[in-house]
Protein backbone atom coordinates (compact mmCIF):
# COMPACT_ATOMS: atom_id res chain seq x y z
CA MET A 1 33.64 -36.92 -50.16
CA PRO A 2 36.69 -35.82 -48.12
CA ALA A 3 36.95 -37.16 -44.57
CA SER A 4 36.76 -33.66 -43.03
CA ARG A 5 33.52 -32.89 -44.88
CA ARG A 6 31.98 -36.26 -43.92
CA SER A 7 32.80 -35.72 -40.25
CA LEU A 8 31.27 -32.23 -40.38
CA THR A 9 28.07 -33.63 -41.94
CA TYR A 10 27.79 -36.33 -39.27
CA LEU A 11 28.33 -33.70 -36.57
CA PHE A 12 25.46 -31.53 -37.82
CA ILE A 13 23.12 -34.52 -38.22
CA GLY A 14 23.87 -35.74 -34.71
CA ALA A 15 23.33 -32.29 -33.22
CA ALA A 16 20.00 -31.96 -35.05
CA VAL A 17 18.78 -35.34 -33.75
CA ILE A 18 19.75 -34.48 -30.17
CA ILE A 19 18.07 -31.06 -30.24
CA ILE A 20 14.84 -32.38 -31.78
CA ALA A 21 14.72 -35.26 -29.28
CA ALA A 22 15.22 -32.82 -26.40
CA LEU A 23 12.39 -30.62 -27.67
CA LEU A 24 10.03 -33.57 -27.98
CA TYR A 25 10.92 -34.89 -24.54
CA ARG A 26 10.49 -31.48 -22.92
CA ASN A 27 6.97 -31.14 -24.28
CA LEU A 28 5.67 -34.66 -23.57
CA PRO A 29 2.70 -34.85 -21.17
CA SER A 30 3.74 -35.26 -17.55
CA GLU A 31 3.01 -38.49 -15.72
CA SER A 32 1.02 -36.61 -13.04
CA ALA A 33 -1.25 -35.17 -15.66
CA LYS A 34 -1.73 -38.54 -17.32
CA ASP A 35 -3.02 -40.00 -14.03
CA GLN A 36 -5.78 -37.40 -13.57
CA PRO A 37 -9.33 -38.71 -13.53
CA ALA A 38 -11.62 -38.27 -16.47
CA GLY A 39 -13.28 -34.92 -16.65
CA THR A 40 -10.28 -33.18 -15.07
CA LEU A 41 -8.87 -30.24 -16.97
CA TYR A 42 -5.65 -31.68 -18.45
CA LEU A 43 -3.08 -29.07 -19.44
CA ALA A 44 -0.36 -31.31 -20.82
CA LEU A 45 0.62 -28.63 -23.29
CA ALA A 46 0.25 -25.68 -20.96
CA ASN A 47 3.17 -23.76 -19.53
CA THR A 48 3.87 -22.50 -16.02
CA ALA A 49 1.01 -20.12 -15.45
CA ARG A 50 1.47 -16.43 -15.14
CA GLY A 51 -0.86 -16.01 -12.18
CA SER A 52 -2.04 -19.62 -12.29
CA SER A 53 -3.37 -19.43 -8.70
CA ASP A 54 -5.65 -16.57 -9.71
CA THR A 55 -6.94 -18.67 -12.56
CA ALA A 56 -7.70 -21.63 -10.28
CA ASN A 57 -9.38 -19.39 -7.69
CA SER A 58 -11.45 -17.74 -10.38
CA ILE A 59 -12.65 -21.10 -11.60
CA ALA A 60 -13.42 -22.23 -8.05
CA THR A 61 -15.52 -19.14 -7.22
CA ASN A 62 -17.36 -19.11 -10.54
CA PRO A 63 -19.41 -22.21 -11.21
CA THR A 64 -18.23 -23.29 -14.59
CA GLN A 65 -20.36 -24.74 -17.31
CA ALA A 66 -17.59 -25.48 -19.81
CA ALA A 67 -13.85 -25.07 -20.27
CA GLU A 68 -11.72 -25.17 -23.37
CA VAL A 69 -7.98 -25.38 -24.02
CA GLN A 70 -7.06 -23.73 -27.29
CA GLY A 71 -4.96 -25.64 -29.80
CA ASP A 72 -1.84 -23.66 -29.05
CA GLY A 73 -1.82 -25.18 -25.55
CA GLN A 74 -1.20 -21.81 -23.94
CA THR A 75 -4.68 -20.29 -23.50
CA VAL A 76 -7.47 -21.61 -21.22
CA ILE A 77 -11.02 -20.38 -21.86
CA TRP A 78 -13.97 -21.12 -19.55
CA TYR A 79 -17.60 -19.98 -19.22
CA ASP A 80 -19.60 -19.47 -16.04
CA LYS A 81 -23.25 -20.31 -15.52
CA ASN A 82 -24.24 -16.92 -16.87
CA GLY A 83 -22.34 -17.56 -20.10
CA ASP A 84 -19.64 -15.00 -19.39
CA ARG A 85 -16.34 -15.83 -21.06
CA TYR A 86 -13.04 -15.92 -19.14
CA SER A 87 -9.53 -16.62 -20.49
CA THR A 88 -5.96 -16.68 -19.30
CA THR A 89 -2.56 -17.41 -20.82
CA VAL A 90 -0.61 -20.17 -19.11
CA ALA A 91 2.73 -21.93 -19.44
CA SER A 92 3.63 -25.59 -18.92
CA GLY A 93 4.54 -27.49 -15.79
CA ASP A 94 3.29 -30.02 -13.26
CA GLU A 95 2.45 -27.32 -10.75
CA VAL A 96 -0.17 -25.74 -12.99
CA SER A 97 -1.50 -29.14 -13.99
CA ARG A 98 -2.05 -29.97 -10.34
CA GLU A 99 -3.79 -26.68 -9.66
CA PHE A 100 -6.23 -27.13 -12.50
CA ALA A 101 -6.63 -30.84 -11.80
CA SER A 102 -8.03 -30.00 -8.36
CA ASN A 103 -10.94 -28.23 -10.05
CA ASN A 104 -13.20 -30.68 -11.78
CA PHE A 105 -14.75 -29.70 -15.08
CA TYR A 106 -17.29 -32.01 -16.52
CA ASN A 107 -17.90 -30.05 -19.67
CA PHE A 108 -14.66 -29.15 -21.42
CA LYS A 109 -12.92 -29.88 -24.66
CA ILE A 110 -9.40 -29.71 -26.11
CA ASP A 111 -9.05 -28.52 -29.71
CA SER A 112 -8.22 -31.40 -32.06
CA GLY A 113 -5.68 -29.27 -33.85
CA SER A 114 -3.38 -29.15 -30.85
CA GLY A 115 -0.84 -31.60 -32.39
CA SER A 116 -0.26 -29.61 -35.55
CA ASN A 117 -0.31 -26.38 -33.63
CA PHE A 118 2.28 -27.80 -31.29
CA LEU A 119 4.47 -28.58 -34.29
CA LEU A 120 4.03 -25.08 -35.70
CA SER A 121 4.36 -23.21 -32.45
CA VAL A 122 7.08 -25.16 -30.63
CA ILE A 123 9.13 -27.47 -32.84
CA LEU A 124 9.23 -25.45 -36.08
CA PRO A 125 10.64 -22.19 -34.60
CA ASN A 126 13.33 -24.10 -32.73
CA LEU A 127 14.14 -26.11 -35.83
CA ILE A 128 14.44 -22.97 -37.96
CA LEU A 129 16.74 -21.43 -35.36
CA PHE A 130 18.87 -24.57 -35.35
CA VAL A 131 19.11 -24.60 -39.16
CA LEU A 132 20.17 -20.95 -39.22
CA MET A 133 22.84 -21.59 -36.59
CA ALA A 134 24.03 -24.66 -38.52
CA LEU A 135 24.30 -22.67 -41.75
CA ILE A 136 26.28 -19.93 -40.02
CA LEU A 137 28.65 -22.49 -38.50
CA LEU A 138 29.02 -24.22 -41.86
CA TRP A 139 29.84 -20.92 -43.58
CA ILE A 140 32.43 -20.08 -40.91
CA PHE A 141 33.94 -23.55 -41.21
CA ARG A 142 34.19 -23.31 -45.00
CA GLN A 143 35.74 -19.86 -44.83
CA THR A 144 38.32 -21.16 -42.39
CA GLN A 145 39.00 -24.21 -44.54
CA SER A 146 39.27 -22.03 -47.66
CA GLY A 147 41.77 -19.76 -45.97
CA ASN A 148 43.81 -22.73 -44.79
CA ASN A 149 43.72 -24.34 -48.23
CA GLN A 150 44.83 -21.12 -49.89
CA ALA A 151 47.65 -20.76 -47.43
CA LEU A 152 48.69 -24.39 -47.89
CA SER A 153 48.30 -24.38 -51.68
CA PHE A 154 50.16 -21.12 -52.18
CA GLY A 155 53.42 -22.97 -52.55
CA ARG A 156 52.02 -25.73 -54.72
CA SER A 157 52.74 -26.01 -58.39
CA ARG A 158 50.19 -24.64 -60.83
CA ALA A 159 51.17 -27.06 -63.56
CA ARG A 160 48.26 -28.41 -65.58
CA LEU A 161 48.04 -32.12 -66.28
CA LEU A 162 46.29 -32.72 -69.58
CA ALA A 163 42.88 -34.44 -69.38
CA GLY A 164 43.14 -38.16 -69.72
CA ASP A 165 46.80 -37.91 -68.68
CA LYS A 166 47.90 -38.55 -72.26
CA PRO A 167 47.71 -35.99 -75.09
CA ALA A 168 45.95 -37.09 -78.28
CA ILE A 169 48.35 -35.03 -80.43
CA THR A 170 51.02 -36.95 -82.37
CA PHE A 171 53.72 -36.14 -84.90
CA ASN A 172 51.09 -36.47 -87.65
CA ASP A 173 49.56 -33.24 -86.35
CA VAL A 174 52.87 -31.36 -86.64
CA ALA A 175 54.24 -30.20 -90.00
CA GLY A 176 56.94 -27.91 -91.31
CA VAL A 177 59.53 -28.87 -88.66
CA ASP A 178 60.89 -32.16 -89.97
CA GLU A 179 64.34 -31.79 -88.41
CA ALA A 180 62.90 -30.99 -84.99
CA LYS A 181 60.57 -33.99 -85.22
CA GLN A 182 63.51 -36.22 -86.04
CA GLU A 183 65.49 -34.84 -83.11
CA LEU A 184 62.64 -35.31 -80.68
CA GLY A 185 61.88 -38.77 -82.04
CA GLU A 186 64.83 -40.00 -79.98
CA ILE A 187 63.15 -38.65 -76.84
CA VAL A 188 60.08 -40.71 -77.72
CA GLU A 189 62.28 -43.79 -78.03
CA PHE A 190 63.79 -43.09 -74.61
CA LEU A 191 60.34 -42.85 -73.03
CA LYS A 192 58.92 -45.89 -74.83
CA TYR A 193 61.85 -48.27 -74.49
CA PRO A 194 64.07 -47.08 -71.62
CA ASP A 195 65.45 -50.58 -71.02
CA LYS A 196 66.94 -50.73 -74.52
CA PHE A 197 69.08 -47.67 -73.84
CA ALA A 198 69.87 -48.65 -70.25
CA ALA A 199 71.25 -51.97 -71.51
CA VAL A 200 74.04 -50.18 -73.36
CA GLY A 201 74.65 -47.63 -70.59
CA ALA A 202 72.92 -44.70 -72.32
CA ARG A 203 71.59 -41.98 -70.04
CA ILE A 204 68.16 -40.53 -70.64
CA PRO A 205 68.30 -36.82 -71.57
CA LYS A 206 67.37 -34.55 -68.67
CA GLY A 207 65.93 -31.76 -70.77
CA VAL A 208 65.27 -30.40 -74.25
CA LEU A 209 65.30 -26.68 -75.01
CA LEU A 210 63.13 -25.57 -77.94
CA VAL A 211 64.31 -22.26 -79.38
CA GLY A 212 62.41 -20.30 -81.98
CA PRO A 213 60.18 -17.31 -82.75
CA PRO A 214 56.64 -17.20 -81.36
CA GLY A 215 54.11 -19.39 -83.15
CA THR A 216 56.55 -21.88 -84.63
CA GLY A 217 55.04 -24.88 -82.82
CA LYS A 218 57.14 -25.29 -79.68
CA THR A 219 54.20 -26.16 -77.42
CA LEU A 220 52.53 -28.30 -80.08
CA LEU A 221 55.73 -30.24 -80.66
CA SER A 222 56.17 -30.98 -76.96
CA LYS A 223 52.57 -32.23 -76.75
CA ALA A 224 53.23 -34.43 -79.77
CA VAL A 225 56.24 -35.98 -78.02
CA ALA A 226 54.06 -36.85 -75.03
CA GLY A 227 51.34 -38.18 -77.33
CA GLU A 228 53.75 -40.36 -79.29
CA ALA A 229 55.28 -41.76 -76.13
CA GLY A 230 51.88 -42.18 -74.44
CA VAL A 231 52.91 -40.48 -71.20
CA PRO A 232 51.34 -37.74 -69.02
CA PHE A 233 52.08 -34.13 -69.93
CA PHE A 234 52.52 -31.33 -67.37
CA SER A 235 52.36 -27.78 -68.70
CA ILE A 236 53.33 -24.59 -66.86
CA SER A 237 54.56 -21.11 -67.73
CA GLY A 238 57.82 -19.76 -66.38
CA SER A 239 56.05 -16.72 -64.95
CA GLU A 240 53.85 -18.94 -62.75
CA PHE A 241 56.81 -19.87 -60.58
CA VAL A 242 57.73 -16.39 -59.41
CA GLU A 243 55.65 -14.51 -56.81
CA MET A 244 56.23 -11.51 -54.59
CA PHE A 245 56.60 -13.72 -51.51
CA VAL A 246 60.00 -15.20 -50.76
CA GLY A 247 60.28 -18.96 -51.13
CA VAL A 248 57.06 -19.52 -53.07
CA GLY A 249 58.79 -20.07 -56.41
CA ALA A 250 61.22 -22.63 -55.03
CA SER A 251 58.36 -24.41 -53.27
CA ARG A 252 56.40 -24.62 -56.52
CA VAL A 253 59.40 -26.04 -58.34
CA ARG A 254 59.77 -28.76 -55.70
CA ASP A 255 56.06 -29.57 -55.84
CA LEU A 256 56.10 -29.72 -59.66
CA PHE A 257 58.90 -32.25 -59.76
CA ASP A 258 57.35 -34.26 -56.93
CA GLN A 259 54.20 -34.59 -59.03
CA ALA A 260 56.26 -35.48 -62.09
CA LYS A 261 58.12 -38.24 -60.26
CA LYS A 262 54.83 -39.74 -59.08
CA ASN A 263 53.55 -39.82 -62.68
CA SER A 264 56.79 -40.90 -64.36
CA PRO A 265 57.50 -41.54 -67.13
CA CYS A 266 56.16 -38.13 -68.11
CA ILE A 267 57.04 -34.82 -69.73
CA VAL A 268 57.19 -31.44 -67.98
CA PHE A 269 56.80 -28.53 -70.39
CA VAL A 270 57.90 -25.07 -69.20
CA ASP A 271 56.81 -22.34 -71.59
CA GLU A 272 58.72 -19.04 -71.69
CA ILE A 273 61.42 -20.35 -69.39
CA ASP A 274 63.33 -17.07 -69.77
CA ALA A 275 60.88 -15.60 -67.22
CA VAL A 276 62.51 -17.72 -64.51
CA GLY A 277 65.80 -18.81 -66.11
CA ARG A 278 67.45 -15.44 -66.75
CA GLN A 279 71.11 -15.14 -65.97
CA ARG A 280 71.74 -14.61 -62.26
CA GLY A 281 73.12 -11.29 -61.12
CA ALA A 282 71.56 -9.43 -64.03
CA GLY A 283 68.83 -7.75 -61.97
CA LEU A 284 68.87 -4.36 -60.30
CA GLY A 285 71.74 -4.28 -57.84
CA GLY A 286 72.74 -7.82 -58.75
CA GLY A 287 71.26 -9.03 -55.47
CA HIS A 288 69.77 -12.36 -54.47
CA ASP A 289 66.08 -12.06 -55.38
CA GLU A 290 63.17 -14.46 -55.45
CA ARG A 291 63.65 -15.31 -59.14
CA GLU A 292 67.21 -16.43 -58.47
CA GLN A 293 66.06 -18.67 -55.62
CA THR A 294 63.54 -20.25 -57.98
CA LEU A 295 66.21 -20.75 -60.63
CA ASN A 296 68.57 -22.31 -58.09
CA GLN A 297 65.88 -24.79 -57.07
CA LEU A 298 65.18 -25.59 -60.72
CA LEU A 299 68.87 -26.28 -61.32
CA VAL A 300 68.99 -28.59 -58.30
CA GLU A 301 65.87 -30.50 -59.33
CA MET A 302 67.02 -31.01 -62.91
CA ASP A 303 70.46 -32.19 -61.88
CA GLY A 304 69.12 -34.36 -59.06
CA PHE A 305 66.92 -36.66 -61.07
CA GLU A 306 67.34 -40.35 -60.63
CA THR A 307 67.82 -42.23 -63.87
CA ALA A 308 64.87 -44.50 -63.11
CA THR A 309 62.36 -41.64 -62.87
CA HIS A 310 62.21 -41.06 -66.64
CA VAL A 311 61.05 -37.44 -66.35
CA ILE A 312 62.04 -35.18 -69.24
CA VAL A 313 61.82 -31.40 -69.08
CA ILE A 314 61.00 -29.63 -72.35
CA ALA A 315 61.33 -25.86 -72.21
CA ALA A 316 60.54 -23.22 -74.82
CA THR A 317 61.97 -19.75 -75.29
CA ASN A 318 62.56 -17.14 -77.97
CA ARG A 319 65.31 -15.47 -75.93
CA PRO A 320 68.07 -18.06 -75.44
CA ASP A 321 70.66 -15.28 -75.09
CA VAL A 322 69.34 -14.25 -71.66
CA LEU A 323 69.29 -17.72 -70.10
CA ASP A 324 71.70 -18.65 -67.33
CA PRO A 325 74.69 -20.70 -68.57
CA ALA A 326 74.19 -23.23 -65.78
CA LEU A 327 70.75 -23.97 -67.18
CA LEU A 328 72.05 -24.60 -70.70
CA ARG A 329 74.87 -26.96 -69.87
CA PRO A 330 74.71 -30.71 -70.65
CA GLY A 331 73.13 -32.60 -67.79
CA ARG A 332 70.26 -30.15 -67.58
CA PHE A 333 69.23 -29.23 -71.10
CA ASP A 334 71.14 -31.80 -73.13
CA ARG A 335 69.43 -31.01 -76.43
CA HIS A 336 68.88 -27.63 -78.07
CA VAL A 337 66.36 -27.84 -80.91
CA MET A 338 65.98 -24.86 -83.24
CA LEU A 339 62.58 -24.08 -84.77
CA ASP A 340 62.30 -21.44 -87.49
CA ARG A 341 59.49 -20.14 -89.63
CA PRO A 342 58.63 -22.77 -92.27
CA ASP A 343 59.72 -22.58 -95.90
CA ILE A 344 57.31 -22.92 -98.81
CA ARG A 345 57.12 -26.71 -98.51
CA GLY A 346 56.61 -26.47 -94.77
CA ARG A 347 53.88 -23.87 -95.20
CA ARG A 348 52.04 -26.09 -97.65
CA ALA A 349 52.32 -29.06 -95.28
CA ILE A 350 51.02 -26.95 -92.39
CA LEU A 351 48.12 -25.71 -94.49
CA GLU A 352 47.25 -29.31 -95.36
CA VAL A 353 47.22 -30.26 -91.67
CA HIS A 354 44.92 -27.39 -90.70
CA ALA A 355 42.66 -27.92 -93.73
CA ARG A 356 42.02 -31.61 -92.99
CA ASN A 357 38.57 -31.18 -91.52
CA LYS A 358 37.62 -28.08 -93.53
CA PRO A 359 35.36 -28.24 -96.63
CA LEU A 360 37.57 -26.72 -99.35
CA ASP A 361 36.35 -25.74 -102.80
CA SER A 362 37.99 -27.37 -105.82
CA SER A 363 39.49 -24.00 -106.76
CA VAL A 364 41.70 -23.92 -103.65
CA ASP A 365 45.41 -24.33 -104.45
CA LEU A 366 47.51 -24.76 -101.31
CA GLU A 367 50.70 -24.44 -103.36
CA VAL A 368 49.76 -20.88 -104.34
CA LEU A 369 48.76 -20.11 -100.77
CA GLY A 370 52.15 -21.33 -99.60
CA LYS A 371 53.80 -18.87 -101.99
CA GLN A 372 51.56 -16.02 -100.82
CA THR A 373 52.50 -16.46 -97.17
CA PRO A 374 56.29 -15.95 -96.86
CA GLY A 375 57.35 -15.34 -93.27
CA PHE A 376 54.14 -16.83 -91.84
CA SER A 377 54.57 -19.05 -88.78
CA GLY A 378 52.52 -22.14 -88.06
CA ALA A 379 50.21 -20.14 -85.78
CA ASP A 380 49.72 -17.54 -88.54
CA LEU A 381 48.75 -20.24 -91.03
CA SER A 382 46.32 -21.80 -88.57
CA ASN A 383 44.73 -18.41 -88.05
CA LEU A 384 44.63 -17.93 -91.83
CA ILE A 385 42.52 -21.08 -92.35
CA ASN A 386 40.25 -20.14 -89.47
CA GLU A 387 39.68 -16.62 -90.82
CA ALA A 388 38.79 -18.06 -94.23
CA ALA A 389 36.28 -20.42 -92.59
CA ILE A 390 34.72 -17.47 -90.75
CA LEU A 391 34.42 -15.51 -94.01
CA ALA A 392 32.73 -18.46 -95.72
CA ALA A 393 30.27 -18.92 -92.86
CA ARG A 394 29.52 -15.19 -92.84
CA ALA A 395 28.66 -15.41 -96.56
CA ASN A 396 26.43 -18.49 -95.92
CA ARG A 397 28.62 -20.76 -98.06
CA LYS A 398 29.13 -24.45 -97.33
CA VAL A 399 32.72 -24.56 -98.65
CA ILE A 400 35.83 -22.39 -98.32
CA THR A 401 36.85 -20.83 -101.62
CA MET A 402 40.17 -19.52 -102.87
CA HIS A 403 38.77 -16.01 -102.62
CA ASP A 404 38.12 -16.54 -98.89
CA LEU A 405 41.71 -17.68 -98.34
CA GLU A 406 43.24 -14.80 -100.31
CA GLU A 407 41.01 -12.33 -98.51
CA SER A 408 42.13 -13.74 -95.15
CA ILE A 409 45.78 -13.34 -96.24
CA ALA A 410 45.11 -9.70 -97.07
CA ARG A 411 43.36 -9.22 -93.73
CA VAL A 412 46.35 -10.68 -91.86
CA ILE A 413 48.96 -8.66 -93.79
CA ALA A 414 47.24 -5.31 -94.36
CA GLY A 415 44.11 -5.43 -92.22
CA PRO A 416 40.41 -5.64 -93.10
CA GLU A 417 38.89 -3.64 -95.91
CA ARG A 418 37.67 -0.17 -95.01
CA ARG A 419 34.88 0.26 -97.54
CA SER A 420 33.20 2.84 -95.33
CA ARG A 421 36.07 5.29 -95.84
CA MET A 422 34.86 8.07 -98.15
CA ILE A 423 37.49 8.80 -100.84
CA SER A 424 36.87 11.32 -103.62
CA GLU A 425 37.23 10.40 -107.29
CA LYS A 426 40.29 12.63 -107.59
CA GLU A 427 42.05 10.84 -104.73
CA LYS A 428 41.06 7.44 -106.12
CA ARG A 429 42.68 8.38 -109.42
CA THR A 430 45.85 9.46 -107.63
CA ILE A 431 45.94 6.21 -105.62
CA ALA A 432 45.45 4.15 -108.79
CA PHE A 433 48.37 5.79 -110.61
CA HIS A 434 50.51 5.49 -107.46
CA GLU A 435 49.92 1.73 -107.19
CA MET A 436 50.42 1.33 -110.93
CA GLY A 437 53.86 2.90 -110.56
CA HIS A 438 54.83 0.25 -107.98
CA ALA A 439 53.57 -2.52 -110.26
CA LEU A 440 55.27 -1.27 -113.45
CA VAL A 441 58.67 -0.82 -111.80
CA GLY A 442 58.37 -4.24 -110.15
CA LYS A 443 57.47 -5.84 -113.48
CA THR A 444 60.34 -4.15 -115.32
CA LEU A 445 63.26 -4.72 -112.94
CA GLU A 446 65.14 -8.02 -112.87
CA HIS A 447 65.64 -8.56 -109.14
CA THR A 448 62.09 -8.00 -107.88
CA ASP A 449 59.33 -10.47 -107.09
CA PRO A 450 56.47 -10.93 -109.58
CA VAL A 451 53.42 -8.74 -108.98
CA HIS A 452 50.42 -10.79 -107.85
CA LYS A 453 47.70 -8.31 -106.92
CA ILE A 454 46.92 -4.57 -107.14
CA THR A 455 44.04 -2.86 -105.32
CA ILE A 456 42.93 0.65 -104.40
CA VAL A 457 40.57 -0.61 -101.68
CA SER A 458 41.68 0.91 -98.39
CA ARG A 459 43.03 -1.55 -95.81
CA GLY A 460 44.28 -0.58 -92.38
CA MET A 461 46.40 2.55 -92.72
CA ALA A 462 47.03 2.05 -96.46
CA LEU A 463 44.91 3.61 -99.19
CA GLY A 464 46.07 1.07 -101.80
CA TRP A 465 48.20 -2.04 -101.98
CA THR A 466 50.47 -3.81 -104.47
CA MET A 467 51.28 -7.42 -103.58
CA SER A 468 54.39 -9.19 -104.92
CA LEU A 469 54.98 -12.90 -104.40
CA PRO A 470 58.46 -14.46 -104.25
CA THR A 471 59.01 -17.54 -106.37
CA GLU A 472 61.22 -19.16 -103.74
CA ASP A 473 62.40 -18.70 -100.18
CA ARG A 474 65.54 -16.61 -99.89
CA TYR A 475 67.87 -16.37 -96.94
CA LEU A 476 70.47 -14.03 -98.49
CA VAL A 477 69.84 -10.67 -100.16
CA SER A 478 72.28 -9.14 -102.66
CA LYS A 479 72.98 -5.47 -103.22
CA ALA A 480 71.27 -5.55 -106.62
CA GLU A 481 68.11 -6.97 -105.06
CA LEU A 482 68.08 -4.27 -102.39
CA ILE A 483 68.49 -1.52 -105.03
CA ASP A 484 65.64 -2.93 -107.13
CA GLN A 485 63.41 -3.17 -104.07
CA LEU A 486 64.11 0.49 -103.27
CA ALA A 487 63.29 1.42 -106.86
CA GLN A 488 59.97 -0.41 -106.67
CA MET A 489 59.13 1.40 -103.43
CA LEU A 490 59.76 4.76 -105.13
CA GLY A 491 57.84 3.76 -108.26
CA GLY A 492 54.61 5.21 -106.90
CA ARG A 493 56.16 8.63 -106.33
CA CYS A 494 57.67 8.67 -109.82
CA SER A 495 54.30 7.78 -111.34
CA GLU A 496 52.60 10.69 -109.57
CA GLU A 497 55.32 13.08 -110.72
CA LEU A 498 55.00 11.97 -114.35
CA ILE A 499 51.19 12.10 -114.43
CA PHE A 500 50.32 15.03 -112.16
CA GLY A 501 53.50 17.08 -112.15
CA GLU A 502 56.20 17.77 -109.58
CA HIS A 503 54.03 20.08 -107.47
CA ASN A 504 51.14 17.60 -107.20
CA ILE A 505 53.06 14.72 -105.60
CA THR A 506 51.12 13.52 -102.55
CA THR A 507 52.25 12.15 -99.24
């Protein structure tokens, strides 16, 4: 428990003890009343009488057969010789005790329930009032503390330190980026064996910039570096530095690197660094804004590291062209690692990684799936396996079949099936001939990909779909290939014209 909270608890406990002790002391029987002779009316629990003299006089002038003090200690009841009943409400004090003590009553009783009634009538209301006041004070104190903490923590870094301080992800969980893994393997060596490099005068890299499209594994790769090296991993987004208040971003940068130095050796991962690292002077008016102050502080922190701290900054972006040149120079981001969408071998390796703990049917061929997913990133392939698992569970199957995987590919590319769409038989016939035209032209021409699947089931915005699979990854496209691709696209129109006539070509 924090020291401030412990002190507050002790304060409330002490106040409660003092108040309860005061209440008990105030209501103890007075010494004068204790010394009264037997048979004297003893009003230890009575209060200062409202008209107590009248009560005493009344008792004196009316021979009394019996007197009774009610359990609440505030009402005196007596009976005269004729049996008439008299009562009065009194309050406590020695003066009243003396007045009633001067009038002897030989037949009186005090209700045995006076102790419990005293607790209910005197202590309990005061205790409830004290508890309510304590709760109100506690609420005010917490609100004040919360406001102070928010004000003090506003400039603190929002970086997240992974649970257990060390990520469980390693290079075995990353596939399809072999060159990037090899490049970052040197960073792992620096973090594991810094003395080996220091012995030959090598300087630990200050930062690594991962550049690539979204979903290519930049964050996963940085976690794998931390997992391989066995060091803590701080993660933060570039947009979390910048706020509307001046100086907050720079303060968060300072706090982030202070935390990193305390946990060194460690890795600081900044995702989407282009949110804070854009080129200075490129904003409206070219003025000095909060983002530029944050960037300036980031530049200072990265260039001001001591060699012994062993803190490496790994940043990710898909817009390296907008970054400030001072951020990209050696001494800040010494390494630039490019990550691209995986080729067919990389896609198969990624599918194998994500299918490790999935029950796959014997009909599943990951090689074919790799061919069916050109242009898919690692995140797309992970989503593909997950969608197939959802389809299998929805169909109450224990294993994932090839049909589930191909259906998930179609869902990712063209959208889910729209079987509820009502299409007439005439339109279905037109759609079938249209898709057949695409397939025939694609099969006939030399520079087109082989046709893999034809369907007239509506998906997304399309009424039909012809799927062609490339046999290999291509990075260059010739003029002949472009012409054949255009011809295949127009094959559906030509088919409609040949079958239904020029005036019946549809949109």
